[in-house]
Amino acid sequence: MVVCWLLMLALVSGLLLAHRNAWHRLEWLLKPAAAATFVPAGFLAGGIDTTFGRVMLAGLVLAAGGDVLLIPKNKRAFLAGIGAFLAGHVAYAIAFTLRGVDLSAALVCLGGLGLIAIPVLRWLWPHVERPMRLPVVAYVIVITAMVAAAVGTALRTEAWLLLVGAAAFYLSDLSVARDRFVASGFGNRLWGLPLYFFAQMLLASQAGR
């Protein structure tokens, strides 16, 4: 597991350097490689041994696929990437539910996060092309529900690291949204990529718990 963390750190550092210098071919090499670190980490954590872990592994695989689909700079690939990540969030939410959820806490959190989602959508809306609006709304709804489920699981089972991973994933997606719709730039990736890969590796490390 430690090897996976160290390898991810090295690959993400290289990926940031590739983004900073617009080395697009290197991005095609390093981003899939970085994404490939958290999938075996989930196996090494024992994710294959339980239903919860296997569903978590499915989420990790879908996230890794989404990473690759976001590399090309075209709408079709971006939509496919959104679809892969959305399915990954659904898998995580199902896994959290299988582990155990305080339903009342999850619903309260869902309402609170929904109030946060409204200004996020208002911020993005003027910049989102009309064909992209429905997928963006669907994505925001699903990731909000995933984090709410993580809160319910943390309160029910004390799986606090799952909650940290889910929250970090949520926050990292804000950098993706800003870069894609509002203002593209290296600054988005500088904090968003490390946070995203940290989130996935943390979730992977809990797949066998």
C-alpha atoms as a PDB file:
ATOM      1  CA  MET A   1       0.000   0.000   0.000  1.00  0.00           C
ATOM      2  CA  VAL A   2       2.836   2.412   0.854  1.00  0.00           C
ATOM      3  CA  VAL A   3       4.362   1.715  -2.565  1.00  0.00           C
ATOM      4  CA  CYS A   4       1.068   2.716  -4.220  1.00  0.00           C
ATOM      5  CA  TRP A   5       1.009   5.997  -2.289  1.00  0.00           C
ATOM      6  CA  LEU A   6       4.616   6.811  -3.197  1.00  0.00           C
ATOM      7  CA  LEU A   7       4.146   5.857  -6.838  1.00  0.00           C
ATOM      8  CA  MET A   8       1.014   7.983  -7.040  1.00  0.00           C
ATOM      9  CA  LEU A   9       2.866  10.943  -5.518  1.00  0.00           C
ATOM     10  CA  ALA A  10       5.657  10.651  -8.086  1.00  0.00           C
ATOM     11  CA  LEU A  11       3.281  10.272 -11.027  1.00  0.00           C
ATOM     12  CA  VAL A  12       1.042  13.165  -9.965  1.00  0.00           C
ATOM     13  CA  SER A  13       4.110  15.376  -9.541  1.00  0.00           C
ATOM     14  CA  GLY A  14       5.166  14.472 -13.070  1.00  0.00           C
ATOM     15  CA  LEU A  15       1.627  15.051 -14.318  1.00  0.00           C
ATOM     16  CA  LEU A  16       1.582  18.551 -12.846  1.00  0.00           C
ATOM     17  CA  LEU A  17       4.906  19.263 -14.557  1.00  0.00           C
ATOM     18  CA  ALA A  18       3.461  18.005 -17.840  1.00  0.00           C
ATOM     19  CA  HIS A  19       0.439  20.301 -17.457  1.00  0.00           C
ATOM     20  CA  ARG A  20       2.638  23.257 -16.514  1.00  0.00           C
ATOM     21  CA  ASN A  21       4.737  22.859 -19.661  1.00  0.00           C
ATOM     22  CA  ALA A  22       1.920  21.699 -21.981  1.00  0.00           C
ATOM     23  CA  TRP A  23       3.589  18.336 -22.604  1.00  0.00           C
ATOM     24  CA  HIS A  24       0.419  16.690 -23.877  1.00  0.00           C
ATOM     25  CA  ARG A  25       1.985  13.366 -24.873  1.00  0.00           C
ATOM     26  CA  LEU A  26       3.440  12.978 -21.401  1.00  0.00           C
ATOM     27  CA  GLU A  27      -0.026  13.658 -19.951  1.00  0.00           C
ATOM     28  CA  TRP A  28      -1.356  10.694 -21.933  1.00  0.00           C
ATOM     29  CA  LEU A  29       1.294   8.544 -20.287  1.00  0.00           C
ATOM     30  CA  LEU A  30       1.252   9.841 -16.720  1.00  0.00           C
ATOM     31  CA  LYS A  31      -2.462  10.374 -16.044  1.00  0.00           C
ATOM     32  CA  PRO A  32      -3.542   6.789 -16.807  1.00  0.00           C
ATOM     33  CA  ALA A  33      -0.513   5.558 -14.861  1.00  0.00           C
ATOM     34  CA  ALA A  34      -1.452   7.691 -11.856  1.00  0.00           C
ATOM     35  CA  ALA A  35      -5.045   6.492 -12.087  1.00  0.00           C
ATOM     36  CA  ALA A  36      -3.801   2.919 -12.195  1.00  0.00           C
ATOM     37  CA  THR A  37      -2.216   3.256  -8.747  1.00  0.00           C
ATOM     38  CA  PHE A  38      -5.422   3.475  -6.754  1.00  0.00           C
ATOM     39  CA  VAL A  39      -7.117   0.447  -8.330  1.00  0.00           C
ATOM     40  CA  PRO A  40      -4.461  -2.054  -7.183  1.00  0.00           C
ATOM     41  CA  ALA A  41      -4.353  -0.211  -3.857  1.00  0.00           C
ATOM     42  CA  GLY A  42      -7.995  -1.189  -3.392  1.00  0.00           C
ATOM     43  CA  PHE A  43      -7.150  -4.826  -4.099  1.00  0.00           C
ATOM     44  CA  LEU A  44      -4.167  -4.728  -1.729  1.00  0.00           C
ATOM     45  CA  ALA A  45      -6.439  -3.284   0.969  1.00  0.00           C
ATOM     46  CA  GLY A  46      -8.621  -6.388   0.688  1.00  0.00           C
ATOM     47  CA  GLY A  47     -11.420  -4.881  -1.372  1.00  0.00           C
ATOM     48  CA  ILE A  48     -12.092  -8.100  -3.233  1.00  0.00           C
ATOM     49  CA  ASP A  49     -13.051  -9.944  -0.029  1.00  0.00           C
ATOM     50  CA  THR A  50     -16.421  -8.285   0.717  1.00  0.00           C
ATOM     51  CA  THR A  51     -19.400  -6.980  -1.216  1.00  0.00           C
ATOM     52  CA  PHE A  52     -18.667  -3.505   0.121  1.00  0.00           C
ATOM     53  CA  GLY A  53     -15.092  -3.757  -1.103  1.00  0.00           C
ATOM     54  CA  ARG A  54     -16.022  -5.084  -4.521  1.00  0.00           C
ATOM     55  CA  VAL A  55     -18.451  -2.224  -5.092  1.00  0.00           C
ATOM     56  CA  MET A  56     -15.750   0.205  -3.948  1.00  0.00           C
ATOM     57  CA  LEU A  57     -13.383  -1.381  -6.470  1.00  0.00           C
ATOM     58  CA  ALA A  58     -15.991  -0.854  -9.186  1.00  0.00           C
ATOM     59  CA  GLY A  59     -16.084   2.823  -8.243  1.00  0.00           C
ATOM     60  CA  LEU A  60     -12.294   3.037  -8.408  1.00  0.00           C
ATOM     61  CA  VAL A  61     -12.216   1.418 -11.850  1.00  0.00           C
ATOM     62  CA  LEU A  62     -14.907   3.799 -13.135  1.00  0.00           C
ATOM     63  CA  ALA A  63     -12.966   6.773 -11.768  1.00  0.00           C
ATOM     64  CA  ALA A  64      -9.793   5.561 -13.479  1.00  0.00           C
ATOM     65  CA  GLY A  65     -11.731   5.285 -16.743  1.00  0.00           C
ATOM     66  CA  GLY A  66     -13.081   8.799 -16.255  1.00  0.00           C
ATOM     67  CA  ASP A  67      -9.542  10.087 -15.817  1.00  0.00           C
ATOM     68  CA  VAL A  68      -8.538   8.758 -19.223  1.00  0.00           C
ATOM     69  CA  LEU A  69     -11.693  10.070 -20.899  1.00  0.00           C
ATOM     70  CA  LEU A  70     -11.021  13.606 -19.633  1.00  0.00           C
ATOM     71  CA  ILE A  71      -7.629  13.801 -21.351  1.00  0.00           C
ATOM     72  CA  PRO A  72      -8.920  14.574 -24.876  1.00  0.00           C
ATOM     73  CA  LYS A  73     -10.141  18.139 -25.305  1.00  0.00           C
ATOM     74  CA  ASN A  74     -13.504  17.461 -26.931  1.00  0.00           C
ATOM     75  CA  LYS A  75     -17.104  17.436 -25.732  1.00  0.00           C
ATOM     76  CA  ARG A  76     -17.859  13.813 -26.550  1.00  0.00           C
ATOM     77  CA  ALA A  77     -14.964  12.538 -24.451  1.00  0.00           C
ATOM     78  CA  PHE A  78     -15.816  14.980 -21.663  1.00  0.00           C
ATOM     79  CA  LEU A  79     -19.418  13.747 -21.565  1.00  0.00           C
ATOM     80  CA  ALA A  80     -18.199  10.163 -21.475  1.00  0.00           C
ATOM     81  CA  GLY A  81     -15.865  11.114 -18.636  1.00  0.00           C
ATOM     82  CA  ILE A  82     -18.721  12.710 -16.715  1.00  0.00           C
ATOM     83  CA  GLY A  83     -20.731   9.518 -17.239  1.00  0.00           C
ATOM     84  CA  ALA A  84     -17.908   7.351 -15.902  1.00  0.00           C
ATOM     85  CA  PHE A  85     -17.419   9.521 -12.825  1.00  0.00           C
ATOM     86  CA  LEU A  86     -21.167   9.724 -12.225  1.00  0.00           C
ATOM     87  CA  ALA A  87     -21.356   5.933 -12.286  1.00  0.00           C
ATOM     88  CA  GLY A  88     -18.373   5.851  -9.935  1.00  0.00           C
ATOM     89  CA  HIS A  89     -20.167   8.112  -7.465  1.00  0.00           C
ATOM     90  CA  VAL A  90     -23.201   5.837  -7.638  1.00  0.00           C
ATOM     91  CA  ALA A  91     -20.959   2.855  -6.871  1.00  0.00           C
ATOM     92  CA  TYR A  92     -19.435   4.629  -3.882  1.00  0.00           C
ATOM     93  CA  ALA A  93     -22.876   5.616  -2.575  1.00  0.00           C
ATOM     94  CA  ILE A  94     -24.054   2.002  -2.896  1.00  0.00           C
ATOM     95  CA  ALA A  95     -20.930   0.792  -1.106  1.00  0.00           C
ATOM     96  CA  PHE A  96     -21.473   3.238   1.754  1.00  0.00           C
ATOM     97  CA  THR A  97     -25.063   2.048   2.047  1.00  0.00           C
ATOM     98  CA  LEU A  98     -23.932  -1.579   2.159  1.00  0.00           C
ATOM     99  CA  ARG A  99     -21.501  -0.739   4.946  1.00  0.00           C
ATOM    100  CA  GLY A 100     -24.260   0.923   6.969  1.00  0.00           C
ATOM    101  CA  VAL A 101     -25.793   4.398   6.937  1.00  0.00           C
ATOM    102  CA  ASP A 102     -27.420   6.616   9.529  1.00  0.00           C
ATOM    103  CA  LEU A 103     -30.334   7.496   7.257  1.00  0.00           C
ATOM    104  CA  SER A 104     -31.535  10.510   9.252  1.00  0.00           C
ATOM    105  CA  ALA A 105     -28.064  12.066   9.255  1.00  0.00           C
ATOM    106  CA  ALA A 106     -27.630  11.339   5.547  1.00  0.00           C
ATOM    107  CA  LEU A 107     -30.935  13.034   4.701  1.00  0.00           C
ATOM    108  CA  VAL A 108     -30.137  16.085   6.818  1.00  0.00           C
ATOM    109  CA  CYS A 109     -26.738  16.307   5.161  1.00  0.00           C
ATOM    110  CA  LEU A 110     -28.333  15.900   1.746  1.00  0.00           C
ATOM    111  CA  GLY A 111     -30.495  18.912   2.437  1.00  0.00           C
ATOM    112  CA  GLY A 112     -27.524  20.966   3.631  1.00  0.00           C
ATOM    113  CA  LEU A 113     -25.367  19.985   0.670  1.00  0.00           C
ATOM    114  CA  GLY A 114     -28.282  20.738  -1.624  1.00  0.00           C
ATOM    115  CA  LEU A 115     -28.196  24.321  -0.375  1.00  0.00           C
ATOM    116  CA  ILE A 116     -24.502  24.421  -1.302  1.00  0.00           C
ATOM    117  CA  ALA A 117     -25.183  22.897  -4.734  1.00  0.00           C
ATOM    118  CA  ILE A 118     -27.543  25.732  -5.674  1.00  0.00           C
ATOM    119  CA  PRO A 119     -24.888  28.511  -5.635  1.00  0.00           C
ATOM    120  CA  VAL A 120     -22.422  26.128  -7.313  1.00  0.00           C
ATOM    121  CA  LEU A 121     -24.854  25.605 -10.188  1.00  0.00           C
ATOM    122  CA  ARG A 122     -25.615  29.331 -10.349  1.00  0.00           C
ATOM    123  CA  TRP A 123     -21.871  29.976 -10.605  1.00  0.00           C
ATOM    124  CA  LEU A 124     -21.461  27.463 -13.434  1.00  0.00           C
ATOM    125  CA  TRP A 125     -24.727  28.015 -15.300  1.00  0.00           C
ATOM    126  CA  PRO A 126     -23.774  31.052 -17.454  1.00  0.00           C
ATOM    127  CA  HIS A 127     -20.664  29.201 -18.649  1.00  0.00           C
ATOM    128  CA  VAL A 128     -22.225  25.806 -19.418  1.00  0.00           C
ATOM    129  CA  GLU A 129     -23.307  25.167 -22.998  1.00  0.00           C
ATOM    130  CA  ARG A 130     -26.967  24.174 -23.291  1.00  0.00           C
ATOM    131  CA  PRO A 131     -26.308  20.524 -24.307  1.00  0.00           C
ATOM    132  CA  MET A 132     -24.098  20.128 -21.238  1.00  0.00           C
ATOM    133  CA  ARG A 133     -26.544  21.504 -18.677  1.00  0.00           C
ATOM    134  CA  LEU A 134     -28.538  18.342 -17.991  1.00  0.00           C
ATOM    135  CA  PRO A 135     -25.409  16.173 -17.510  1.00  0.00           C
ATOM    136  CA  VAL A 136     -23.925  18.809 -15.189  1.00  0.00           C
ATOM    137  CA  VAL A 137     -27.089  18.971 -13.070  1.00  0.00           C
ATOM    138  CA  ALA A 138     -27.259  15.167 -12.903  1.00  0.00           C
ATOM    139  CA  TYR A 139     -23.625  15.026 -11.863  1.00  0.00           C
ATOM    140  CA  VAL A 140     -24.068  17.593  -9.103  1.00  0.00           C
ATOM    141  CA  ILE A 141     -27.096  15.698  -7.747  1.00  0.00           C
ATOM    142  CA  VAL A 142     -25.281  12.353  -7.710  1.00  0.00           C
ATOM    143  CA  ILE A 143     -22.033  13.601  -6.145  1.00  0.00           C
ATOM    144  CA  THR A 144     -24.065  15.444  -3.501  1.00  0.00           C
ATOM    145  CA  ALA A 145     -25.923  12.245  -2.679  1.00  0.00           C
ATOM    146  CA  MET A 146     -22.629  10.338  -2.525  1.00  0.00           C
ATOM    147  CA  VAL A 147     -21.154  12.724   0.047  1.00  0.00           C
ATOM    148  CA  ALA A 148     -24.386  12.630   2.075  1.00  0.00           C
ATOM    149  CA  ALA A 149     -24.190   8.828   2.105  1.00  0.00           C
ATOM    150  CA  ALA A 150     -20.562   9.092   3.267  1.00  0.00           C
ATOM    151  CA  VAL A 151     -21.670  11.296   6.171  1.00  0.00           C
ATOM    152  CA  GLY A 152     -24.329   8.763   7.116  1.00  0.00           C
ATOM    153  CA  THR A 153     -21.802   5.933   6.957  1.00  0.00           C
ATOM    154  CA  ALA A 154     -19.224   7.818   9.037  1.00  0.00           C
ATOM    155  CA  LEU A 155     -21.774   8.519  11.766  1.00  0.00           C
ATOM    156  CA  ARG A 156     -23.106   4.951  11.730  1.00  0.00           C
ATOM    157  CA  THR A 157     -19.813   3.032  11.484  1.00  0.00           C
ATOM    158  CA  GLU A 158     -17.152   5.634  12.391  1.00  0.00           C
ATOM    159  CA  ALA A 159     -15.637   5.270   8.907  1.00  0.00           C
ATOM    160  CA  TRP A 160     -14.280   8.804   9.021  1.00  0.00           C
ATOM    161  CA  LEU A 161     -11.601   8.258   6.378  1.00  0.00           C
ATOM    162  CA  LEU A 162     -14.315   7.315   3.885  1.00  0.00           C
ATOM    163  CA  LEU A 163     -15.947  10.658   4.589  1.00  0.00           C
ATOM    164  CA  VAL A 164     -12.654  12.520   4.156  1.00  0.00           C
ATOM    165  CA  GLY A 165     -12.115  10.761   0.826  1.00  0.00           C
ATOM    166  CA  ALA A 166     -15.626  11.512  -0.393  1.00  0.00           C
ATOM    167  CA  ALA A 167     -15.386  15.170   0.645  1.00  0.00           C
ATOM    168  CA  ALA A 168     -11.976  15.553  -1.011  1.00  0.00           C
ATOM    169  CA  PHE A 169     -13.387  14.037  -4.211  1.00  0.00           C
ATOM    170  CA  TYR A 170     -16.271  16.542  -4.087  1.00  0.00           C
ATOM    171  CA  LEU A 171     -13.933  19.499  -3.625  1.00  0.00           C
ATOM    172  CA  SER A 172     -11.537  18.362  -6.344  1.00  0.00           C
ATOM    173  CA  ASP A 173     -14.407  18.297  -8.818  1.00  0.00           C
ATOM    174  CA  LEU A 174     -14.828  22.037  -8.312  1.00  0.00           C
ATOM    175  CA  SER A 175     -11.401  22.515  -9.892  1.00  0.00           C
ATOM    176  CA  VAL A 176     -12.463  20.385 -12.876  1.00  0.00           C
ATOM    177  CA  ALA A 177     -15.684  22.384 -13.271  1.00  0.00           C
ATOM    178  CA  ARG A 178     -13.849  25.694 -13.048  1.00  0.00           C
ATOM    179  CA  ASP A 179     -11.227  24.570 -15.546  1.00  0.00           C
ATOM    180  CA  ARG A 180     -13.761  23.199 -18.042  1.00  0.00           C
ATOM    181  CA  PHE A 181     -16.465  25.839 -17.827  1.00  0.00           C
ATOM    182  CA  VAL A 182     -15.247  29.027 -16.137  1.00  0.00           C
ATOM    183  CA  ALA A 183     -11.523  29.713 -16.474  1.00  0.00           C
ATOM    184  CA  SER A 184      -9.038  27.159 -17.740  1.00  0.00           C
ATOM    185  CA  GLY A 185      -5.561  27.307 -16.281  1.00  0.00           C
ATOM    186  CA  PHE A 186      -2.768  25.474 -14.506  1.00  0.00           C
ATOM    187  CA  GLY A 187      -3.892  26.865 -11.143  1.00  0.00           C
ATOM    188  CA  ASN A 188      -6.984  24.640 -11.238  1.00  0.00           C
ATOM    189  CA  ARG A 189      -4.877  21.537 -11.717  1.00  0.00           C
ATOM    190  CA  LEU A 190      -2.249  22.596  -9.176  1.00  0.00           C
ATOM    191  CA  TRP A 191      -4.629  21.989  -6.277  1.00  0.00           C
ATOM    192  CA  GLY A 192      -7.343  19.899  -7.926  1.00  0.00           C
ATOM    193  CA  LEU A 193      -5.226  16.999  -9.196  1.00  0.00           C
ATOM    194  CA  PRO A 194      -3.356  16.265  -5.941  1.00  0.00           C
ATOM    195  CA  LEU A 195      -6.599  16.522  -3.976  1.00  0.00           C
ATOM    196  CA  TYR A 196      -8.389  14.197  -6.396  1.00  0.00           C
ATOM    197  CA  PHE A 197      -5.717  11.510  -6.356  1.00  0.00           C
ATOM    198  CA  PHE A 198      -5.426  11.776  -2.579  1.00  0.00           C
ATOM    199  CA  ALA A 199      -9.203  11.235  -2.374  1.00  0.00           C
ATOM    200  CA  GLN A 200      -9.163   8.149  -4.580  1.00  0.00           C
ATOM    201  CA  MET A 201      -6.187   6.599  -2.810  1.00  0.00           C
ATOM    202  CA  LEU A 202      -7.791   7.228   0.567  1.00  0.00           C
ATOM    203  CA  LEU A 203     -11.029   5.607  -0.572  1.00  0.00           C
ATOM    204  CA  ALA A 204      -9.019   2.692  -1.984  1.00  0.00           C
ATOM    205  CA  SER A 205      -7.215   2.235   1.325  1.00  0.00           C
ATOM    206  CA  GLN A 206     -10.570   1.754   3.061  1.00  0.00           C
ATOM    207  CA  ALA A 207     -11.983  -0.765   0.587  1.00  0.00           C
ATOM    208  CA  GLY A 208     -11.130  -3.703   2.811  1.00  0.00           C
ATOM    209  CA  ARG A 209     -12.237  -2.218   6.135  1.00  0.00           C
END
